[in-house]
C-alpha atoms as a PDB file:
ATOM      1  CA  UNK A   1     117.147  78.144 166.006  1.00  0.00           C
ATOM      2  CA  UNK A   2     117.221  76.153 169.263  1.00  0.00           C
ATOM      3  CA  UNK A   3     117.514  79.359 171.310  1.00  0.00           C
ATOM      4  CA  UNK A   4     114.509  80.852 169.509  1.00  0.00           C
ATOM      5  CA  UNK A   5     112.506  77.699 170.120  1.00  0.00           C
ATOM      6  CA  UNK A   6     113.340  77.590 173.845  1.00  0.00           C
ATOM      7  CA  UNK A   7     112.519  81.274 174.363  1.00  0.00           C
ATOM      8  CA  UNK A   8     109.231  81.027 172.544  1.00  0.00           C
ATOM      9  CA  UNK A   9     108.264  77.790 174.309  1.00  0.00           C
ATOM     10  CA  UNK A  10     108.954  79.310 177.741  1.00  0.00           C
ATOM     11  CA  UNK A  11     106.824  82.366 176.947  1.00  0.00           C
ATOM     12  CA  UNK A  12     103.957  80.128 175.785  1.00  0.00           C
ATOM     13  CA  UNK A  13     104.176  78.025 178.949  1.00  0.00           C
ATOM     14  CA  UNK A  14     104.054  81.053 181.276  1.00  0.00           C
ATOM     15  CA  UNK A  15     101.115  82.605 179.425  1.00  0.00           C
ATOM     16  CA  UNK A  16      99.314  79.260 179.326  1.00  0.00           C
ATOM     17  CA  UNK A  17      99.618  78.745 183.073  1.00  0.00           C
ATOM     18  CA  UNK A  18      98.423  82.301 183.719  1.00  0.00           C
ATOM     19  CA  UNK A  19      95.318  81.796 181.569  1.00  0.00           C
ATOM     20  CA  UNK A  20      94.610  78.440 183.202  1.00  0.00           C
ATOM     21  CA  UNK A  21      94.732  80.044 186.633  1.00  0.00           C
ATOM     22  CA  UNK A  22      92.228  82.735 185.613  1.00  0.00           C
ATOM     23  CA  UNK A  23      89.972  80.135 183.971  1.00  0.00           C
ATOM     24  CA  UNK A  24      90.062  77.850 187.021  1.00  0.00           C
ATOM     25  CA  UNK A  25      89.283  80.746 189.337  1.00  0.00           C
ATOM     26  CA  UNK A  26      86.328  81.802 187.207  1.00  0.00           C
ATOM     27  CA  UNK A  27      84.981  78.254 187.089  1.00  0.00           C
ATOM     28  CA  UNK A  28      85.206  77.895 190.872  1.00  0.00           C
ATOM     29  CA  UNK A  29      83.566  81.269 191.432  1.00  0.00           C
ATOM     30  CA  UNK A  30      80.641  80.760 189.025  1.00  0.00           C
ATOM     31  CA  UNK A  31      80.067  77.011 189.538  1.00  0.00           C
ATOM     32  CA  UNK A  32      77.864  76.780 186.442  1.00  0.00           C
ATOM     33  CA  UNK A  33      77.584  73.956 183.858  1.00  0.00           C
ATOM     34  CA  UNK A  34      78.012  76.542 181.125  1.00  0.00           C
ATOM     35  CA  UNK A  35      81.471  77.407 182.485  1.00  0.00           C
ATOM     36  CA  UNK A  36      83.353  74.138 183.110  1.00  0.00           C
ATOM     37  CA  UNK A  37      86.809  74.048 184.638  1.00  0.00           C
ATOM     38  CA  UNK A  38      89.935  73.648 182.491  1.00  0.00           C
ATOM     39  CA  UNK A  39      90.481  70.222 184.040  1.00  0.00           C
ATOM     40  CA  UNK A  40      87.093  69.008 182.794  1.00  0.00           C
ATOM     41  CA  UNK A  41      87.660  70.515 179.354  1.00  0.00           C
ATOM     42  CA  UNK A  42      91.161  69.039 179.187  1.00  0.00           C
ATOM     43  CA  UNK A  43      89.883  65.557 179.960  1.00  0.00           C
ATOM     44  CA  UNK A  44      87.171  65.887 177.347  1.00  0.00           C
ATOM     45  CA  UNK A  45      89.630  67.214 174.789  1.00  0.00           C
ATOM     46  CA  UNK A  46      91.887  64.197 175.248  1.00  0.00           C
ATOM     47  CA  UNK A  47      88.904  61.877 174.809  1.00  0.00           C
ATOM     48  CA  UNK A  48      87.351  63.481 171.713  1.00  0.00           C
ATOM     49  CA  UNK A  49      90.260  65.097 169.852  1.00  0.00           C
ATOM     50  CA  UNK A  50      91.227  62.243 167.552  1.00  0.00           C
ATOM     51  CA  UNK A  51      87.754  60.674 167.188  1.00  0.00           C
ATOM     52  CA  UNK A  52      85.902  63.971 166.593  1.00  0.00           C
ATOM     53  CA  UNK A  53      87.903  67.210 166.505  1.00  0.00           C
ATOM     54  CA  UNK A  54      91.023  66.354 164.493  1.00  0.00           C
ATOM     55  CA  UNK A  55      89.262  66.127 161.132  1.00  0.00           C
ATOM     56  CA  UNK A  56      87.508  69.471 161.735  1.00  0.00           C
ATOM     57  CA  UNK A  57      90.833  71.132 162.604  1.00  0.00           C
ATOM     58  CA  UNK A  58      92.396  69.704 159.452  1.00  0.00           C
ATOM     59  CA  UNK A  59      89.631  71.159 157.271  1.00  0.00           C
ATOM     60  CA  UNK A  60      89.935  74.584 158.895  1.00  0.00           C
ATOM     61  CA  UNK A  61      93.720  74.651 158.520  1.00  0.00           C
ATOM     62  CA  UNK A  62      93.403  73.555 154.899  1.00  0.00           C
ATOM     63  CA  UNK A  63      91.007  76.422 154.136  1.00  0.00           C
ATOM     64  CA  UNK A  64      93.252  78.966 155.848  1.00  0.00           C
ATOM     65  CA  UNK A  65      96.296  77.565 154.058  1.00  0.00           C
ATOM     66  CA  UNK A  66      94.639  77.794 150.647  1.00  0.00           C
ATOM     67  CA  UNK A  67      93.468  81.353 151.259  1.00  0.00           C
ATOM     68  CA  UNK A  68      96.901  82.354 152.547  1.00  0.00           C
ATOM     69  CA  UNK A  69      98.712  80.825 149.583  1.00  0.00           C
ATOM     70  CA  UNK A  70      96.450  82.499 147.019  1.00  0.00           C
ATOM     71  CA  UNK A  71      96.581  85.887 148.745  1.00  0.00           C
ATOM     72  CA  UNK A  72     100.399  85.826 148.843  1.00  0.00           C
ATOM     73  CA  UNK A  73     100.548  84.643 145.242  1.00  0.00           C
ATOM     74  CA  UNK A  74      98.426  87.575 144.064  1.00  0.00           C
ATOM     75  CA  UNK A  75      99.080  90.228 146.717  1.00  0.00           C
ATOM     76  CA  UNK A  76     102.884  90.242 146.808  1.00  0.00           C
ATOM     77  CA  UNK A  77     103.407  91.013 143.088  1.00  0.00           C
ATOM     78  CA  UNK A  78     100.624  93.617 143.071  1.00  0.00           C
ATOM     79  CA  UNK A  79     101.795  95.347 146.246  1.00  0.00           C
ATOM     80  CA  UNK A  80     105.416  95.534 145.129  1.00  0.00           C
ATOM     81  CA  UNK A  81     104.418  96.687 141.634  1.00  0.00           C
ATOM     82  CA  UNK A  82     102.269  99.475 143.082  1.00  0.00           C
ATOM     83  CA  UNK A  83     105.056 100.596 145.382  1.00  0.00           C
ATOM     84  CA  UNK A  84     107.764 100.427 142.735  1.00  0.00           C
ATOM     85  CA  UNK A  85     105.858 101.975 139.828  1.00  0.00           C
ATOM     86  CA  UNK A  86     103.966 105.238 140.227  1.00  0.00           C
ATOM     87  CA  UNK A  87     102.007 104.462 137.060  1.00  0.00           C
ATOM     88  CA  UNK A  88     100.788 101.114 138.353  1.00  0.00           C
ATOM     89  CA  UNK A  89      99.942 102.714 141.702  1.00  0.00           C
ATOM     90  CA  UNK A  90      97.835 105.431 140.061  1.00  0.00           C
ATOM     91  CA  UNK A  91      95.975 102.813 138.057  1.00  0.00           C
ATOM     92  CA  UNK A  92      95.264 100.309 140.864  1.00  0.00           C
ATOM     93  CA  UNK A  93      94.961 102.540 143.948  1.00  0.00           C
ATOM     94  CA  UNK A  94      91.331 103.620 143.298  1.00  0.00           C
ATOM     95  CA  UNK A  95      90.285  99.986 142.967  1.00  0.00           C
ATOM     96  CA  UNK A  96      92.107  98.984 146.162  1.00  0.00           C
ATOM     97  CA  UNK A  97      90.737 101.947 148.108  1.00  0.00           C
ATOM     98  CA  UNK A  98      87.223 101.138 146.913  1.00  0.00           C
ATOM     99  CA  UNK A  99      87.315  97.463 147.890  1.00  0.00           C
ATOM    100  CA  UNK A 100      89.559  97.517 150.974  1.00  0.00           C
ATOM    101  CA  UNK A 101      87.183  99.240 153.468  1.00  0.00           C
ATOM    102  CA  UNK A 102      84.253  96.935 152.678  1.00  0.00           C
ATOM    103  CA  UNK A 103      83.728  94.452 155.550  1.00  0.00           C
ATOM    104  CA  UNK A 104      84.446  91.129 153.914  1.00  0.00           C
ATOM    105  CA  UNK A 105      81.807  89.378 155.994  1.00  0.00           C
ATOM    106  CA  UNK A 106      79.267  91.602 154.212  1.00  0.00           C
ATOM    107  CA  UNK A 107      80.305  89.914 150.970  1.00  0.00           C
ATOM    108  CA  UNK A 108      79.347  86.483 152.312  1.00  0.00           C
ATOM    109  CA  UNK A 109      75.819  86.442 150.779  1.00  0.00           C
ATOM    110  CA  UNK A 110      77.157  87.579 147.398  1.00  0.00           C
ATOM    111  CA  UNK A 111      80.005  85.067 147.432  1.00  0.00           C
ATOM    112  CA  UNK A 112      77.684  82.234 148.403  1.00  0.00           C
ATOM    113  CA  UNK A 113      75.152  83.156 145.712  1.00  0.00           C
ATOM    114  CA  UNK A 114      77.911  83.343 143.105  1.00  0.00           C
ATOM    115  CA  UNK A 115      80.004  80.325 144.126  1.00  0.00           C
ATOM    116  CA  UNK A 116      77.658  78.263 146.268  1.00  0.00           C
ATOM    117  CA  UNK A 117      78.149  77.235 149.878  1.00  0.00           C
ATOM    118  CA  UNK A 118      81.066  74.913 149.210  1.00  0.00           C
ATOM    119  CA  UNK A 119      84.807  75.280 149.666  1.00  0.00           C
ATOM    120  CA  UNK A 120      85.285  77.966 147.018  1.00  0.00           C
ATOM    121  CA  UNK A 121      83.234  80.548 148.915  1.00  0.00           C
ATOM    122  CA  UNK A 122      85.031  79.916 152.209  1.00  0.00           C
ATOM    123  CA  UNK A 123      88.512  80.080 150.688  1.00  0.00           C
ATOM    124  CA  UNK A 124      87.595  83.140 148.624  1.00  0.00           C
ATOM    125  CA  UNK A 125      86.568  85.105 151.708  1.00  0.00           C
ATOM    126  CA  UNK A 126      89.850  84.329 153.461  1.00  0.00           C
ATOM    127  CA  UNK A 127      91.674  85.277 150.264  1.00  0.00           C
ATOM    128  CA  UNK A 128      89.913  88.658 150.109  1.00  0.00           C
ATOM    129  CA  UNK A 129      90.584  89.417 153.782  1.00  0.00           C
ATOM    130  CA  UNK A 130      94.315  88.786 153.430  1.00  0.00           C
ATOM    131  CA  UNK A 131      94.765  90.162 149.909  1.00  0.00           C
ATOM    132  CA  UNK A 132      94.137  93.862 150.433  1.00  0.00           C
ATOM    133  CA  UNK A 133      96.082  93.944 153.686  1.00  0.00           C
ATOM    134  CA  UNK A 134      99.081  92.477 151.876  1.00  0.00           C
ATOM    135  CA  UNK A 135      98.774  94.824 148.899  1.00  0.00           C
ATOM    136  CA  UNK A 136      98.517  98.032 150.923  1.00  0.00           C
ATOM    137  CA  UNK A 137     101.266  97.060 153.373  1.00  0.00           C
ATOM    138  CA  UNK A 138     103.770  96.041 150.708  1.00  0.00           C
ATOM    139  CA  UNK A 139     103.011  99.073 148.578  1.00  0.00           C
ATOM    140  CA  UNK A 140     103.660 101.438 151.491  1.00  0.00           C
ATOM    141  CA  UNK A 141     106.779  99.508 152.514  1.00  0.00           C
ATOM    142  CA  UNK A 142     108.288  99.770 149.038  1.00  0.00           C
ATOM    143  CA  UNK A 143     107.344 103.432 148.698  1.00  0.00           C
ATOM    144  CA  UNK A 144     109.091 104.105 152.001  1.00  0.00           C
ATOM    145  CA  UNK A 145     112.467 102.993 150.630  1.00  0.00           C
ATOM    146  CA  UNK A 146     114.636 106.075 149.885  1.00  0.00           C
ATOM    147  CA  UNK A 147     115.112 106.506 146.145  1.00  0.00           C
ATOM    148  CA  UNK A 148     118.854 106.945 146.685  1.00  0.00           C
ATOM    149  CA  UNK A 149     119.032 103.270 147.627  1.00  0.00           C
ATOM    150  CA  UNK A 150     118.315 102.268 144.046  1.00  0.00           C
ATOM    151  CA  UNK A 151     120.800 104.587 142.284  1.00  0.00           C
ATOM    152  CA  UNK A 152     123.934 102.394 142.642  1.00  0.00           C
ATOM    153  CA  UNK A 153     122.073  99.389 141.242  1.00  0.00           C
ATOM    154  CA  UNK A 154     120.587 101.409 138.384  1.00  0.00           C
ATOM    155  CA  UNK A 155     124.021 102.774 137.466  1.00  0.00           C
ATOM    156  CA  UNK A 156     125.366  99.221 137.296  1.00  0.00           C
ATOM    157  CA  UNK A 157     122.489  98.085 135.110  1.00  0.00           C
ATOM    158  CA  UNK A 158     121.066  95.657 137.653  1.00  0.00           C
ATOM    159  CA  UNK A 159     117.933  93.813 136.449  1.00  0.00           C
ATOM    160  CA  UNK A 160     114.673  94.093 138.349  1.00  0.00           C
ATOM    161  CA  UNK A 161     115.038  90.564 139.731  1.00  0.00           C
ATOM    162  CA  UNK A 162     118.265  91.605 141.465  1.00  0.00           C
ATOM    163  CA  UNK A 163     116.666  94.824 142.794  1.00  0.00           C
ATOM    164  CA  UNK A 164     113.769  92.788 144.118  1.00  0.00           C
ATOM    165  CA  UNK A 165     115.988  90.222 145.834  1.00  0.00           C
ATOM    166  CA  UNK A 166     118.457  92.656 147.354  1.00  0.00           C
ATOM    167  CA  UNK A 167     116.303  95.688 148.228  1.00  0.00           C
ATOM    168  CA  UNK A 168     112.559  95.427 147.707  1.00  0.00           C
ATOM    169  CA  UNK A 169     111.872  92.109 149.412  1.00  0.00           C
ATOM    170  CA  UNK A 170     114.199  92.512 152.446  1.00  0.00           C
ATOM    171  CA  UNK A 171     112.886  96.043 153.076  1.00  0.00           C
ATOM    172  CA  UNK A 172     109.231  95.026 152.894  1.00  0.00           C
ATOM    173  CA  UNK A 173     109.403  91.580 154.547  1.00  0.00           C
ATOM    174  CA  UNK A 174     108.989  92.721 158.208  1.00  0.00           C
ATOM    175  CA  UNK A 175     105.932  94.817 157.362  1.00  0.00           C
ATOM    176  CA  UNK A 176     104.572  91.991 155.237  1.00  0.00           C
ATOM    177  CA  UNK A 177     104.709  89.605 158.196  1.00  0.00           C
ATOM    178  CA  UNK A 178     103.078  92.219 160.424  1.00  0.00           C
ATOM    179  CA  UNK A 179     100.266  92.580 157.909  1.00  0.00           C
ATOM    180  CA  UNK A 180      99.834  88.813 157.906  1.00  0.00           C
ATOM    181  CA  UNK A 181      99.422  88.804 161.686  1.00  0.00           C
ATOM    182  CA  UNK A 182      96.782  91.527 161.580  1.00  0.00           C
ATOM    183  CA  UNK A 183      94.825  89.900 158.777  1.00  0.00           C
ATOM    184  CA  UNK A 184      95.148  86.361 160.146  1.00  0.00           C
ATOM    185  CA  UNK A 185      93.046  87.104 163.226  1.00  0.00           C
ATOM    186  CA  UNK A 186      90.232  88.447 161.061  1.00  0.00           C
ATOM    187  CA  UNK A 187      90.542  85.514 158.685  1.00  0.00           C
ATOM    188  CA  UNK A 188      90.132  82.994 161.522  1.00  0.00           C
ATOM    189  CA  UNK A 189      87.080  84.853 162.835  1.00  0.00           C
ATOM    190  CA  UNK A 190      85.425  84.952 159.419  1.00  0.00           C
ATOM    191  CA  UNK A 191      86.313  81.319 158.802  1.00  0.00           C
ATOM    192  CA  UNK A 192      84.471  80.364 161.993  1.00  0.00           C
ATOM    193  CA  UNK A 193      81.367  82.136 160.717  1.00  0.00           C
ATOM    194  CA  UNK A 194      81.512  80.680 157.204  1.00  0.00           C
ATOM    195  CA  UNK A 195      81.958  77.150 158.524  1.00  0.00           C
ATOM    196  CA  UNK A 196      78.482  77.286 160.066  1.00  0.00           C
ATOM    197  CA  UNK A 197      76.997  77.223 156.541  1.00  0.00           C
ATOM    198  CA  UNK A 198      76.973  74.467 153.962  1.00  0.00           C
ATOM    199  CA  UNK A 199      79.483  72.107 155.546  1.00  0.00           C
ATOM    200  CA  UNK A 200      79.802  69.388 158.133  1.00  0.00           C
ATOM    201  CA  UNK A 201      83.523  69.856 158.659  1.00  0.00           C
ATOM    202  CA  UNK A 202      85.463  72.680 160.264  1.00  0.00           C
ATOM    203  CA  UNK A 203      85.952  74.100 163.732  1.00  0.00           C
ATOM    204  CA  UNK A 204      83.112  76.571 163.247  1.00  0.00           C
ATOM    205  CA  UNK A 205      80.710  73.743 162.508  1.00  0.00           C
ATOM    206  CA  UNK A 206      81.977  71.628 165.404  1.00  0.00           C
ATOM    207  CA  UNK A 207      81.656  74.414 167.995  1.00  0.00           C
ATOM    208  CA  UNK A 208      78.188  75.516 166.874  1.00  0.00           C
ATOM    209  CA  UNK A 209      76.983  71.917 166.677  1.00  0.00           C
ATOM    210  CA  UNK A 210      78.183  71.260 170.239  1.00  0.00           C
ATOM    211  CA  UNK A 211      76.459  74.455 171.413  1.00  0.00           C
ATOM    212  CA  UNK A 212      73.150  73.446 169.788  1.00  0.00           C
ATOM    213  CA  UNK A 213      73.423  70.030 171.448  1.00  0.00           C
ATOM    214  CA  UNK A 214      74.088  71.773 174.792  1.00  0.00           C
ATOM    215  CA  UNK A 215      77.362  69.866 175.073  1.00  0.00           C
ATOM    216  CA  UNK A 216      79.436  72.533 176.749  1.00  0.00           C
ATOM    217  CA  UNK A 217      82.489  70.345 177.266  1.00  0.00           C
ATOM    218  CA  UNK A 218      82.808  69.686 173.532  1.00  0.00           C
ATOM    219  CA  UNK A 219      82.054  73.327 172.787  1.00  0.00           C
ATOM    220  CA  UNK A 220      84.895  74.511 175.012  1.00  0.00           C
ATOM    221  CA  UNK A 221      87.177  71.781 173.679  1.00  0.00           C
ATOM    222  CA  UNK A 222      86.553  73.107 170.171  1.00  0.00           C
ATOM    223  CA  UNK A 223      87.268  76.660 171.312  1.00  0.00           C
ATOM    224  CA  UNK A 224      90.563  75.541 172.865  1.00  0.00           C
ATOM    225  CA  UNK A 225      91.580  73.810 169.632  1.00  0.00           C
ATOM    226  CA  UNK A 226      90.651  76.902 167.615  1.00  0.00           C
ATOM    227  CA  UNK A 227      92.788  79.030 169.939  1.00  0.00           C
ATOM    228  CA  UNK A 228      95.678  76.579 169.602  1.00  0.00           C
ATOM    229  CA  UNK A 229      95.360  76.798 165.818  1.00  0.00           C
ATOM    230  CA  UNK A 230      95.688  80.572 166.067  1.00  0.00           C
ATOM    231  CA  UNK A 231      98.668  80.168 168.405  1.00  0.00           C
ATOM    232  CA  UNK A 232     100.324  77.856 165.898  1.00  0.00           C
ATOM    233  CA  UNK A 233      99.774  80.253 162.977  1.00  0.00           C
ATOM    234  CA  UNK A 234     100.979  83.326 164.865  1.00  0.00           C
ATOM    235  CA  UNK A 235     103.906  81.391 166.309  1.00  0.00           C
ATOM    236  CA  UNK A 236     104.854  80.264 162.820  1.00  0.00           C
ATOM    237  CA  UNK A 237     104.890  83.884 161.632  1.00  0.00           C
ATOM    238  CA  UNK A 238     106.999  84.921 164.634  1.00  0.00           C
ATOM    239  CA  UNK A 239     109.551  82.203 163.960  1.00  0.00           C
ATOM    240  CA  UNK A 240     109.662  83.109 160.272  1.00  0.00           C
ATOM    241  CA  UNK A 241     110.304  86.735 161.174  1.00  0.00           C
ATOM    242  CA  UNK A 242     113.180  85.831 163.495  1.00  0.00           C
ATOM    243  CA  UNK A 243     114.725  83.563 160.884  1.00  0.00           C
ATOM    244  CA  UNK A 244     114.245  85.797 157.840  1.00  0.00           C
ATOM    245  CA  UNK A 245     114.682  89.218 159.453  1.00  0.00           C
ATOM    246  CA  UNK A 246     117.795  88.646 161.521  1.00  0.00           C
ATOM    247  CA  UNK A 247     118.847  92.290 161.222  1.00  0.00           C
ATOM    248  CA  UNK A 248     115.909  93.259 163.465  1.00  0.00           C
ATOM    249  CA  UNK A 249     116.277  93.007 167.223  1.00  0.00           C
END
């Protein structure tokens, strides 16, 4: 665990310094108020994080966490059931294929009309973005397991719970985490958009409010915090993969 932490921390530090160098060079070259230097943004971030930004970050993380929890709760059983049972797959596949390609941001007006502009609509959109990615990925992962793998367990009369624990979940876990990474980026982007409606809390609201007030330092500070939130979420998934999928190099 300590080795994983040190390796990941070193990679983050190198990438961070590289991005800071590019940002500083761009700020010096442009010399515009709309493009402040990282030093100016860093100072502002230290000043306003706890008084202003922290509560917005907490609300955004809470919405992402709720959407993630619900999507895993619903998507994992459905995806594994579709991959394990051809009958279930034939029944649910048309519905999944019909709903999956629809851009979830296009559902925003419908969701808001149906559930209002409160927390339910925001969490529901994140849930829908993550759900279908999880279902399709897990279904394909389970279907990719050779049928011969199950024969010894079937011959011994193993219950489904044992098959799930020993074969289905370990075989599909790496692809499940990959699907979470892909869907998480979209979820954060959509969350930013939804937080500009019907709320006074969230990173989307904070950044847009700073932009409308022409406060570029606060706007960039909010963007840095939003990026750090994404770094935290993706880093968490990476660490989980290294801990839970030790057989992978």
